[in-house]
Amino acid sequence: MTDVTSKPDGQEIVVDEVFPHSRETIWKALTTADLMGRWLMAPTGFEPVEGRRFTYQTKPAGAWDGTIHCKVLEVKPNERFAYAWKGGDEGNFGYGSRLDTVVTFILTEVEGGTRLRLIHSGFVLPANEVAFKNMGEGWKKVVPNIGAVAGEAD
């Protein structure tokens, strides 16, 4: 059985972090546009509603304007949140190459807080090798920031 919120045809980045906050507090940090902008990037047009399209803006490269096109795929409050993450251009090699992936956040209650598991799936190698490496390192840096933002939202 294939999970609608993952892309089984490729490599995935997985980051697990435990925060001393409730699932509701972590959920708020993941699904509130202003808070998202403080730990990741400011989204444009975001609402945590299935089917909703939004964008992030990052550094352009070659034929790619730096826009990341997203679509909310799943919203299960305080449990699971997933969205498509697409960007790049077919004409680019390395940074800015075509990317068609899914980002999924899974929240689980644990003793003393919440375990957050991020799965960014669908990286096709070697075409997405640069994105896979860069984003793998990037997610490991930004996911811990969710805790700091969540602490302020408590």
N, C-alpha and C. Protein backbone atom coordinates (compact mmCIF):
# COMPACT_ATOMS: atom_id res chain seq x y z
N MET A 1 0.85 -1.18 0.00
CA MET A 1 0.00 0.00 0.00
C MET A 1 0.89 1.24 0.00
N THR A 2 0.60 2.16 -0.88
CA THR A 2 1.39 3.38 -0.99
C THR A 2 0.72 4.50 -0.20
N ASP A 3 1.49 5.19 0.58
CA ASP A 3 0.99 6.33 1.35
C ASP A 3 0.87 7.52 0.41
N VAL A 4 -0.30 8.13 0.38
CA VAL A 4 -0.55 9.26 -0.52
C VAL A 4 0.37 10.44 -0.25
N THR A 5 0.93 10.50 0.95
CA THR A 5 1.77 11.64 1.29
C THR A 5 3.24 11.31 1.28
N SER A 6 3.63 10.33 0.49
CA SER A 6 5.05 10.08 0.32
C SER A 6 5.30 9.78 -1.15
N LYS A 7 6.55 9.92 -1.56
CA LYS A 7 6.94 9.61 -2.92
C LYS A 7 7.91 8.45 -2.85
N PRO A 8 7.41 7.22 -3.07
CA PRO A 8 8.25 6.04 -2.90
C PRO A 8 9.34 5.90 -3.97
N ASP A 9 9.24 6.64 -5.05
CA ASP A 9 10.18 6.50 -6.17
C ASP A 9 11.42 7.37 -5.99
N GLY A 10 12.15 7.16 -4.92
CA GLY A 10 13.37 7.94 -4.74
C GLY A 10 13.87 7.88 -3.32
N GLN A 11 14.88 8.69 -3.08
CA GLN A 11 15.51 8.77 -1.76
C GLN A 11 14.71 9.71 -0.86
N GLU A 12 14.87 9.52 0.45
CA GLU A 12 14.19 10.41 1.39
C GLU A 12 15.13 10.87 2.48
N ILE A 13 14.81 12.05 2.99
CA ILE A 13 15.51 12.64 4.13
C ILE A 13 14.60 12.42 5.33
N VAL A 14 15.15 11.93 6.43
CA VAL A 14 14.37 11.72 7.64
C VAL A 14 15.09 12.41 8.79
N VAL A 15 14.35 13.24 9.53
CA VAL A 15 14.89 13.91 10.71
C VAL A 15 13.90 13.68 11.85
N ASP A 16 14.40 13.14 12.97
CA ASP A 16 13.60 12.92 14.17
C ASP A 16 14.09 13.85 15.26
N GLU A 17 13.16 14.48 15.94
CA GLU A 17 13.52 15.39 17.03
C GLU A 17 12.43 15.29 18.09
N VAL A 18 12.83 15.32 19.35
CA VAL A 18 11.86 15.32 20.45
C VAL A 18 11.90 16.70 21.11
N PHE A 19 10.71 17.27 21.27
CA PHE A 19 10.59 18.61 21.87
C PHE A 19 9.81 18.53 23.17
N PRO A 20 10.15 19.38 24.14
CA PRO A 20 9.43 19.37 25.43
C PRO A 20 8.16 20.21 25.37
N HIS A 21 7.40 20.01 24.31
CA HIS A 21 6.15 20.77 24.10
C HIS A 21 5.05 19.79 23.72
N SER A 22 3.81 20.22 23.90
CA SER A 22 2.67 19.40 23.51
C SER A 22 2.58 19.30 21.99
N ARG A 23 1.85 18.29 21.53
CA ARG A 23 1.63 18.17 20.08
C ARG A 23 0.92 19.40 19.53
N GLU A 24 0.00 19.95 20.31
CA GLU A 24 -0.74 21.13 19.87
C GLU A 24 0.19 22.33 19.63
N THR A 25 1.18 22.46 20.50
CA THR A 25 2.13 23.57 20.38
C THR A 25 3.03 23.37 19.16
N ILE A 26 3.53 22.15 18.96
CA ILE A 26 4.37 21.87 17.78
C ILE A 26 3.53 22.04 16.51
N TRP A 27 2.31 21.56 16.54
CA TRP A 27 1.40 21.71 15.39
C TRP A 27 1.25 23.18 15.00
N LYS A 28 1.08 24.01 15.99
CA LYS A 28 0.92 25.45 15.73
C LYS A 28 2.17 26.01 15.04
N ALA A 29 3.36 25.60 15.47
CA ALA A 29 4.61 26.07 14.85
C ALA A 29 4.73 25.57 13.41
N LEU A 30 4.18 24.39 13.13
CA LEU A 30 4.25 23.82 11.78
C LEU A 30 3.23 24.40 10.82
N THR A 31 2.10 24.88 11.35
CA THR A 31 0.97 25.22 10.48
C THR A 31 0.49 26.66 10.59
N THR A 32 1.29 27.52 11.18
CA THR A 32 0.97 28.95 11.25
C THR A 32 1.99 29.68 10.39
N ALA A 33 1.53 30.39 9.38
CA ALA A 33 2.43 31.01 8.40
C ALA A 33 3.51 31.87 9.05
N ASP A 34 3.15 32.73 10.01
CA ASP A 34 4.14 33.60 10.65
C ASP A 34 5.21 32.79 11.37
N LEU A 35 4.80 31.72 12.04
CA LEU A 35 5.76 30.89 12.76
C LEU A 35 6.62 30.08 11.79
N MET A 36 6.03 29.57 10.71
CA MET A 36 6.80 28.84 9.70
C MET A 36 7.94 29.71 9.17
N GLY A 37 7.63 30.97 8.96
CA GLY A 37 8.63 31.90 8.44
C GLY A 37 9.79 32.12 9.39
N ARG A 38 9.59 31.82 10.66
CA ARG A 38 10.66 32.01 11.65
C ARG A 38 11.58 30.81 11.76
N TRP A 39 11.11 29.62 11.39
CA TRP A 39 12.00 28.45 11.49
C TRP A 39 12.40 27.88 10.12
N LEU A 40 11.68 28.25 9.06
CA LEU A 40 12.02 27.73 7.73
C LEU A 40 12.14 28.87 6.73
N MET A 41 11.04 29.20 6.07
CA MET A 41 10.95 30.32 5.14
C MET A 41 9.52 30.84 5.24
N ALA A 42 9.34 32.12 4.94
CA ALA A 42 7.99 32.68 4.98
C ALA A 42 7.21 32.19 3.77
N PRO A 43 6.08 31.50 4.00
CA PRO A 43 5.27 31.05 2.88
C PRO A 43 4.36 32.17 2.37
N THR A 44 4.01 32.12 1.11
CA THR A 44 3.06 33.06 0.52
C THR A 44 1.80 32.28 0.17
N GLY A 45 0.67 32.71 0.72
CA GLY A 45 -0.60 32.08 0.40
C GLY A 45 -0.91 30.82 1.19
N PHE A 46 -0.19 30.60 2.28
CA PHE A 46 -0.35 29.36 3.04
C PHE A 46 -1.56 29.38 3.96
N GLU A 47 -2.28 28.28 3.98
CA GLU A 47 -3.28 27.94 5.00
C GLU A 47 -3.24 26.43 5.14
N PRO A 48 -3.37 25.89 6.36
CA PRO A 48 -3.32 24.44 6.55
C PRO A 48 -4.64 23.77 6.14
N VAL A 49 -4.93 23.82 4.85
CA VAL A 49 -6.17 23.28 4.29
C VAL A 49 -5.80 22.38 3.11
N GLU A 50 -6.28 21.14 3.12
CA GLU A 50 -5.96 20.23 2.02
C GLU A 50 -6.35 20.85 0.68
N GLY A 51 -5.43 20.75 -0.28
CA GLY A 51 -5.64 21.31 -1.61
C GLY A 51 -5.12 22.72 -1.77
N ARG A 52 -4.82 23.39 -0.68
CA ARG A 52 -4.35 24.77 -0.72
C ARG A 52 -2.95 24.84 -1.34
N ARG A 53 -2.76 25.75 -2.28
CA ARG A 53 -1.45 25.95 -2.91
C ARG A 53 -0.78 27.17 -2.29
N PHE A 54 0.55 27.07 -2.12
CA PHE A 54 1.32 28.18 -1.59
C PHE A 54 2.73 28.08 -2.13
N THR A 55 3.53 29.10 -1.88
CA THR A 55 4.90 29.10 -2.38
C THR A 55 5.87 29.54 -1.29
N TYR A 56 7.13 29.14 -1.50
CA TYR A 56 8.27 29.67 -0.77
C TYR A 56 9.17 30.29 -1.83
N GLN A 57 9.98 31.24 -1.43
CA GLN A 57 10.94 31.86 -2.34
C GLN A 57 12.34 31.67 -1.80
N THR A 58 13.22 31.14 -2.65
CA THR A 58 14.61 30.94 -2.27
C THR A 58 15.51 31.46 -3.38
N LYS A 59 16.78 31.17 -3.29
CA LYS A 59 17.77 31.69 -4.24
C LYS A 59 17.56 31.11 -5.65
N PRO A 60 17.37 31.96 -6.66
CA PRO A 60 17.22 31.49 -8.04
C PRO A 60 18.50 30.84 -8.55
N ALA A 61 18.34 30.01 -9.60
CA ALA A 61 19.50 29.37 -10.23
C ALA A 61 19.17 29.09 -11.69
N GLY A 62 19.99 29.59 -12.59
CA GLY A 62 19.81 29.34 -14.01
C GLY A 62 18.41 29.69 -14.48
N ALA A 63 17.72 28.73 -15.07
CA ALA A 63 16.38 28.96 -15.60
C ALA A 63 15.30 28.93 -14.52
N TRP A 64 15.66 28.62 -13.29
CA TRP A 64 14.70 28.55 -12.19
C TRP A 64 14.68 29.86 -11.43
N ASP A 65 13.48 30.39 -11.18
CA ASP A 65 13.33 31.68 -10.49
C ASP A 65 13.41 31.59 -8.97
N GLY A 66 13.62 30.39 -8.43
CA GLY A 66 13.74 30.22 -6.98
C GLY A 66 12.43 29.97 -6.27
N THR A 67 11.32 29.88 -7.03
CA THR A 67 10.02 29.64 -6.41
C THR A 67 9.82 28.15 -6.16
N ILE A 68 9.43 27.82 -4.93
CA ILE A 68 9.07 26.45 -4.57
C ILE A 68 7.55 26.41 -4.52
N HIS A 69 6.97 25.58 -5.35
CA HIS A 69 5.51 25.46 -5.44
C HIS A 69 5.05 24.31 -4.56
N CYS A 70 4.13 24.63 -3.66
CA CYS A 70 3.66 23.64 -2.69
C CYS A 70 2.14 23.50 -2.77
N LYS A 71 1.69 22.33 -2.37
CA LYS A 71 0.25 22.06 -2.27
C LYS A 71 0.03 21.20 -1.04
N VAL A 72 -0.87 21.63 -0.17
CA VAL A 72 -1.16 20.87 1.05
C VAL A 72 -1.87 19.57 0.65
N LEU A 73 -1.29 18.45 1.07
CA LEU A 73 -1.82 17.13 0.72
C LEU A 73 -2.61 16.48 1.85
N GLU A 74 -2.18 16.73 3.09
CA GLU A 74 -2.83 16.08 4.23
C GLU A 74 -2.75 16.96 5.46
N VAL A 75 -3.89 17.06 6.17
CA VAL A 75 -3.95 17.81 7.42
C VAL A 75 -4.73 16.97 8.43
N LYS A 76 -4.02 16.40 9.39
CA LYS A 76 -4.64 15.69 10.51
C LYS A 76 -4.14 16.41 11.75
N PRO A 77 -4.93 17.38 12.26
CA PRO A 77 -4.46 18.23 13.35
C PRO A 77 -3.79 17.47 14.49
N ASN A 78 -2.62 18.00 14.86
CA ASN A 78 -1.81 17.49 15.96
C ASN A 78 -1.24 16.09 15.71
N GLU A 79 -1.35 15.59 14.45
CA GLU A 79 -0.84 14.26 14.13
C GLU A 79 0.05 14.24 12.89
N ARG A 80 -0.47 14.79 11.78
CA ARG A 80 0.22 14.63 10.50
C ARG A 80 -0.10 15.78 9.57
N PHE A 81 0.95 16.28 8.91
CA PHE A 81 0.82 17.40 7.98
C PHE A 81 1.76 17.13 6.81
N ALA A 82 1.25 17.20 5.59
CA ALA A 82 2.10 16.91 4.43
C ALA A 82 1.78 17.86 3.28
N TYR A 83 2.83 18.20 2.52
CA TYR A 83 2.62 19.00 1.33
C TYR A 83 3.63 18.67 0.24
N ALA A 84 3.19 18.87 -1.00
CA ALA A 84 4.07 18.71 -2.15
C ALA A 84 5.06 19.86 -2.16
N TRP A 85 6.27 19.59 -2.61
CA TRP A 85 7.36 20.58 -2.68
C TRP A 85 8.00 20.42 -4.05
N LYS A 86 7.68 21.35 -4.96
CA LYS A 86 8.17 21.25 -6.34
C LYS A 86 8.90 22.53 -6.73
N GLY A 87 9.97 22.36 -7.47
CA GLY A 87 10.72 23.52 -7.92
C GLY A 87 11.74 23.13 -8.96
N GLY A 88 12.61 24.06 -9.26
CA GLY A 88 13.68 23.81 -10.20
C GLY A 88 13.24 23.89 -11.65
N ASP A 89 14.16 23.55 -12.52
CA ASP A 89 13.92 23.60 -13.96
C ASP A 89 14.65 22.45 -14.63
N GLU A 90 14.02 21.87 -15.63
CA GLU A 90 14.62 20.74 -16.36
C GLU A 90 15.98 21.10 -16.94
N GLY A 91 16.17 22.37 -17.31
CA GLY A 91 17.42 22.79 -17.93
C GLY A 91 18.59 22.96 -16.96
N ASN A 92 18.31 22.91 -15.68
CA ASN A 92 19.36 23.09 -14.68
C ASN A 92 19.97 21.76 -14.28
N PHE A 93 21.25 21.81 -13.98
CA PHE A 93 21.95 20.64 -13.43
C PHE A 93 22.50 21.06 -12.08
N GLY A 94 22.41 20.18 -11.09
CA GLY A 94 22.87 20.55 -9.75
C GLY A 94 21.82 21.38 -9.05
N TYR A 95 22.25 22.47 -8.40
CA TYR A 95 21.31 23.32 -7.68
C TYR A 95 20.30 23.90 -8.67
N GLY A 96 19.03 23.76 -8.34
CA GLY A 96 17.99 24.30 -9.21
C GLY A 96 17.48 23.33 -10.24
N SER A 97 17.91 22.04 -10.17
CA SER A 97 17.37 21.05 -11.09
C SER A 97 15.92 20.74 -10.71
N ARG A 98 15.17 20.16 -11.62
CA ARG A 98 13.75 19.85 -11.39
C ARG A 98 13.60 18.98 -10.14
N LEU A 99 12.66 19.36 -9.28
CA LEU A 99 12.43 18.66 -8.01
C LEU A 99 10.93 18.46 -7.83
N ASP A 100 10.51 17.24 -7.54
CA ASP A 100 9.10 16.91 -7.32
C ASP A 100 9.05 15.99 -6.11
N THR A 101 8.87 16.57 -4.92
CA THR A 101 8.99 15.83 -3.67
C THR A 101 7.80 16.09 -2.75
N VAL A 102 7.78 15.41 -1.62
CA VAL A 102 6.74 15.58 -0.61
C VAL A 102 7.39 15.72 0.76
N VAL A 103 6.93 16.69 1.54
CA VAL A 103 7.39 16.91 2.91
C VAL A 103 6.26 16.47 3.84
N THR A 104 6.58 15.58 4.77
CA THR A 104 5.58 15.07 5.73
C THR A 104 6.10 15.26 7.15
N PHE A 105 5.25 15.78 8.01
CA PHE A 105 5.56 15.93 9.43
C PHE A 105 4.62 15.01 10.20
N ILE A 106 5.18 14.16 11.07
CA ILE A 106 4.39 13.25 11.88
C ILE A 106 4.68 13.56 13.35
N LEU A 107 3.62 13.83 14.11
CA LEU A 107 3.76 14.16 15.53
C LEU A 107 3.26 13.00 16.37
N THR A 108 4.08 12.60 17.35
CA THR A 108 3.73 11.52 18.25
C THR A 108 3.98 11.98 19.67
N GLU A 109 3.00 11.74 20.53
CA GLU A 109 3.17 12.08 21.94
C GLU A 109 4.15 11.10 22.58
N VAL A 110 5.11 11.65 23.29
CA VAL A 110 6.07 10.83 24.04
C VAL A 110 6.16 11.40 25.46
N GLU A 111 6.76 10.63 26.34
CA GLU A 111 6.90 11.10 27.71
C GLU A 111 7.68 12.41 27.72
N GLY A 112 7.09 13.44 28.30
CA GLY A 112 7.76 14.73 28.41
C GLY A 112 7.65 15.62 27.18
N GLY A 113 6.87 15.22 26.17
CA GLY A 113 6.75 16.10 25.02
C GLY A 113 6.24 15.43 23.76
N THR A 114 6.83 15.84 22.63
CA THR A 114 6.37 15.40 21.32
C THR A 114 7.56 15.02 20.45
N ARG A 115 7.44 13.87 19.79
CA ARG A 115 8.43 13.48 18.78
C ARG A 115 7.91 13.98 17.43
N LEU A 116 8.77 14.71 16.75
CA LEU A 116 8.46 15.19 15.41
C LEU A 116 9.34 14.42 14.44
N ARG A 117 8.72 13.77 13.48
CA ARG A 117 9.46 13.07 12.43
C ARG A 117 9.16 13.78 11.12
N LEU A 118 10.21 14.30 10.49
CA LEU A 118 10.10 14.92 9.18
C LEU A 118 10.58 13.91 8.15
N ILE A 119 9.80 13.71 7.11
CA ILE A 119 10.21 12.86 5.99
C ILE A 119 10.05 13.70 4.72
N HIS A 120 11.16 13.95 4.05
CA HIS A 120 11.13 14.66 2.76
C HIS A 120 11.48 13.61 1.72
N SER A 121 10.48 13.16 0.96
CA SER A 121 10.65 12.02 0.07
C SER A 121 10.55 12.39 -1.41
N GLY A 122 11.09 11.49 -2.24
CA GLY A 122 10.94 11.63 -3.69
C GLY A 122 12.15 12.18 -4.42
N PHE A 123 13.31 12.24 -3.78
CA PHE A 123 14.53 12.71 -4.45
C PHE A 123 15.00 11.63 -5.43
N VAL A 124 15.14 12.00 -6.69
CA VAL A 124 15.60 11.07 -7.71
C VAL A 124 17.08 11.34 -7.96
N LEU A 125 17.89 10.32 -7.69
CA LEU A 125 19.33 10.47 -7.87
C LEU A 125 19.74 9.83 -9.20
N PRO A 126 20.68 10.39 -9.93
CA PRO A 126 21.59 11.47 -9.53
C PRO A 126 21.05 12.87 -9.80
N ALA A 127 19.91 13.00 -10.50
CA ALA A 127 19.41 14.33 -10.89
C ALA A 127 19.25 15.27 -9.70
N ASN A 128 18.74 14.77 -8.57
CA ASN A 128 18.48 15.61 -7.40
C ASN A 128 19.56 15.50 -6.33
N GLU A 129 20.74 15.03 -6.70
CA GLU A 129 21.80 14.79 -5.72
C GLU A 129 22.17 16.05 -4.93
N VAL A 130 22.29 17.18 -5.60
CA VAL A 130 22.66 18.43 -4.91
C VAL A 130 21.56 18.83 -3.93
N ALA A 131 20.30 18.78 -4.38
CA ALA A 131 19.18 19.13 -3.50
C ALA A 131 19.10 18.16 -2.32
N PHE A 132 19.29 16.88 -2.58
CA PHE A 132 19.23 15.86 -1.53
C PHE A 132 20.29 16.14 -0.46
N LYS A 133 21.50 16.42 -0.89
CA LYS A 133 22.59 16.71 0.06
C LYS A 133 22.33 18.02 0.81
N ASN A 134 22.03 19.09 0.07
CA ASN A 134 21.83 20.40 0.69
C ASN A 134 20.63 20.41 1.62
N MET A 135 19.53 19.83 1.17
CA MET A 135 18.33 19.84 2.00
C MET A 135 18.45 18.88 3.18
N GLY A 136 19.19 17.79 3.00
CA GLY A 136 19.43 16.89 4.12
C GLY A 136 20.14 17.61 5.25
N GLU A 137 21.16 18.39 4.89
CA GLU A 137 21.87 19.19 5.89
C GLU A 137 20.99 20.32 6.41
N GLY A 138 20.23 20.93 5.53
CA GLY A 138 19.37 22.05 5.91
C GLY A 138 18.28 21.66 6.89
N TRP A 139 17.58 20.55 6.60
CA TRP A 139 16.52 20.12 7.51
C TRP A 139 17.07 19.81 8.90
N LYS A 140 18.27 19.23 8.96
CA LYS A 140 18.87 18.92 10.27
C LYS A 140 19.15 20.20 11.06
N LYS A 141 19.34 21.32 10.37
CA LYS A 141 19.59 22.60 11.05
C LYS A 141 18.29 23.30 11.42
N VAL A 142 17.27 23.26 10.54
CA VAL A 142 16.05 24.04 10.82
C VAL A 142 15.06 23.32 11.73
N VAL A 143 15.00 21.99 11.67
CA VAL A 143 14.02 21.28 12.50
C VAL A 143 14.20 21.60 13.99
N PRO A 144 15.43 21.64 14.53
CA PRO A 144 15.56 22.00 15.95
C PRO A 144 15.03 23.41 16.27
N ASN A 145 15.02 24.30 15.28
CA ASN A 145 14.49 25.65 15.49
C ASN A 145 12.99 25.66 15.77
N ILE A 146 12.30 24.61 15.35
CA ILE A 146 10.86 24.52 15.62
C ILE A 146 10.62 24.57 17.12
N GLY A 147 11.50 23.95 17.90
CA GLY A 147 11.36 23.95 19.34
C GLY A 147 11.43 25.34 19.94
N ALA A 148 12.36 26.15 19.45
CA ALA A 148 12.49 27.52 19.95
C ALA A 148 11.25 28.35 19.61
N VAL A 149 10.77 28.20 18.37
CA VAL A 149 9.57 28.92 17.95
C VAL A 149 8.35 28.42 18.74
N ALA A 150 8.27 27.11 18.92
CA ALA A 150 7.15 26.54 19.68
C ALA A 150 7.16 27.02 21.12
N GLY A 151 8.36 27.15 21.70
CA GLY A 151 8.47 27.62 23.08
C GLY A 151 7.90 29.01 23.26
N GLU A 152 8.06 29.84 22.24
CA GLU A 152 7.52 31.20 22.30
C GLU A 152 6.01 31.20 22.09
N ALA A 153 5.51 30.15 21.41
CA ALA A 153 4.07 30.09 21.11
C ALA A 153 3.28 29.44 22.24
N ASP A 154 3.99 28.81 23.19
CA ASP A 154 3.33 28.13 24.32
C ASP A 154 2.45 29.06 25.12
